[in-house]
Amino acid sequence: MRMWILLAAVCFLGLTAVVTAQEAKKVELKGTLRTDIVAIGGETTGVIIQTKEGDFELDLGKNKEIREKADKLHGKVVQVAGTLTIRKGVEIKQRKIVVVTQLEEAKK
């Protein structure tokens, strides 16, 4: 019985460590949009923005308008606004993910 309790505790603590994210903060980013991203084990949102500060995954959610706009802007310089969270991954130790609230082509 003790072994099952210990096993359950280890599983629970391990799961919470994977799910825990740092405090979210509002961000605005400018960079090149890519909508063709794949990763080992599916550990990606499939969309990133490449900025001078590095790459950020974009979570477009279920908003059809933003998803269609992202597909049209693939490879172009865009301006993104949203909430940044840092999630622990398996293959990628720290995943910087922005939950997108606004996506526009950048002004030149």
Protein backbone atom coordinates (compact mmCIF):
# COMPACT_ATOMS: atom_id res chain seq x y z
CA MET A 1 0.00 0.00 0.00
CA ARG A 2 2.82 2.40 0.87
CA MET A 3 4.38 1.74 -2.52
CA TRP A 4 1.16 2.79 -4.32
CA ILE A 5 0.89 5.98 -2.28
CA LEU A 6 4.53 6.80 -2.99
CA LEU A 7 4.06 6.05 -6.69
CA ALA A 8 0.94 8.25 -6.84
CA ALA A 9 2.76 11.10 -5.09
CA VAL A 10 5.73 10.89 -7.49
CA CYS A 11 3.41 10.89 -10.52
CA PHE A 12 1.42 13.84 -9.19
CA LEU A 13 4.53 15.91 -8.40
CA GLY A 14 6.06 15.11 -11.78
CA LEU A 15 2.88 16.09 -13.61
CA THR A 16 2.56 19.42 -11.78
CA ALA A 17 6.20 20.23 -12.58
CA VAL A 18 5.46 19.80 -16.30
CA VAL A 19 2.23 21.82 -16.22
CA THR A 20 3.49 24.71 -14.09
CA ALA A 21 4.16 27.91 -16.05
CA GLN A 22 5.78 31.13 -14.94
CA GLU A 23 3.67 34.20 -14.43
CA ALA A 24 2.29 35.46 -17.74
CA LYS A 25 3.01 38.99 -19.01
CA LYS A 26 1.75 41.15 -21.88
CA VAL A 27 4.15 41.50 -24.82
CA GLU A 28 4.38 43.02 -28.29
CA LEU A 29 6.78 41.42 -30.77
CA LYS A 30 7.92 42.22 -34.28
CA GLY A 31 9.50 39.59 -36.50
CA THR A 32 9.10 37.06 -39.28
CA LEU A 33 6.10 34.74 -39.03
CA ARG A 34 6.45 31.02 -39.81
CA THR A 35 3.43 28.74 -39.86
CA ASP A 36 5.10 25.50 -40.99
CA ILE A 37 6.86 24.40 -37.81
CA VAL A 38 7.09 20.75 -36.72
CA ALA A 39 8.95 19.25 -33.77
CA ILE A 40 9.84 15.85 -32.36
CA GLY A 41 6.94 14.56 -30.29
CA GLY A 42 4.70 17.38 -31.49
CA GLU A 43 6.18 19.75 -28.90
CA THR A 44 5.24 22.93 -30.75
CA THR A 45 2.25 25.11 -31.51
CA GLY A 46 3.25 24.94 -35.19
CA VAL A 47 3.58 28.73 -35.51
CA ILE A 48 6.53 30.91 -34.49
CA ILE A 49 7.73 34.47 -34.77
CA GLN A 50 11.48 34.94 -35.32
CA THR A 51 12.65 38.14 -33.59
CA LYS A 52 15.99 39.74 -32.74
CA GLU A 53 15.43 38.46 -29.18
CA GLY A 54 14.92 34.87 -30.39
CA ASP A 55 12.07 32.62 -31.49
CA PHE A 56 8.68 32.60 -29.77
CA GLU A 57 5.93 30.05 -30.33
CA LEU A 58 2.52 31.54 -31.06
CA ASP A 59 -0.70 30.08 -29.69
CA LEU A 60 -3.42 31.28 -32.08
CA GLY A 61 -6.18 29.57 -30.09
CA LYS A 62 -9.45 28.83 -31.83
CA ASN A 63 -9.84 32.30 -33.36
CA LYS A 64 -10.52 31.51 -37.03
CA GLU A 65 -9.78 35.09 -38.17
CA ILE A 66 -6.31 35.12 -36.57
CA ARG A 67 -5.51 31.64 -37.94
CA GLU A 68 -6.47 32.63 -41.50
CA LYS A 69 -4.50 35.86 -41.20
CA ALA A 70 -1.43 33.93 -39.99
CA ASP A 71 -1.60 31.58 -42.99
CA LYS A 72 -1.68 34.59 -45.37
CA LEU A 73 1.22 36.31 -43.58
CA HIS A 74 3.58 33.29 -43.54
CA GLY A 75 7.13 34.46 -44.24
CA LYS A 76 6.30 38.15 -43.76
CA VAL A 77 7.28 40.60 -41.03
CA VAL A 78 4.43 40.93 -38.54
CA GLN A 79 3.52 42.67 -35.30
CA VAL A 80 2.06 40.40 -32.59
CA ALA A 81 0.46 41.28 -29.25
CA GLY A 82 -0.45 38.79 -26.57
CA THR A 83 0.44 37.15 -23.29
CA LEU A 84 3.83 35.46 -22.87
CA THR A 85 4.17 32.33 -20.77
CA ILE A 86 7.19 30.11 -20.25
CA ARG A 87 6.36 26.39 -20.23
CA LYS A 88 8.67 23.51 -19.44
CA GLY A 89 9.04 21.04 -22.26
CA VAL A 90 10.56 17.63 -22.74
CA GLU A 91 12.85 18.13 -25.76
CA ILE A 92 12.82 21.95 -25.51
CA LYS A 93 13.61 22.83 -21.89
CA GLN A 94 11.93 26.27 -21.95
CA ARG A 95 9.14 27.02 -24.42
CA LYS A 96 8.35 30.73 -24.83
CA ILE A 97 4.71 30.78 -25.94
CA VAL A 98 2.67 33.90 -26.74
CA VAL A 99 -1.11 33.53 -26.62
CA VAL A 100 -1.97 35.87 -29.49
CA THR A 101 -4.65 38.54 -29.13
CA GLN A 102 -3.61 40.63 -32.16
CA LEU A 103 -1.73 39.86 -35.38
CA GLU A 104 -1.00 42.41 -38.12
CA GLU A 105 1.47 42.83 -40.95
CA ALA A 106 4.22 45.19 -39.73
CA LYS A 107 4.34 48.73 -41.06
CA LYS A 108 7.43 49.38 -43.17
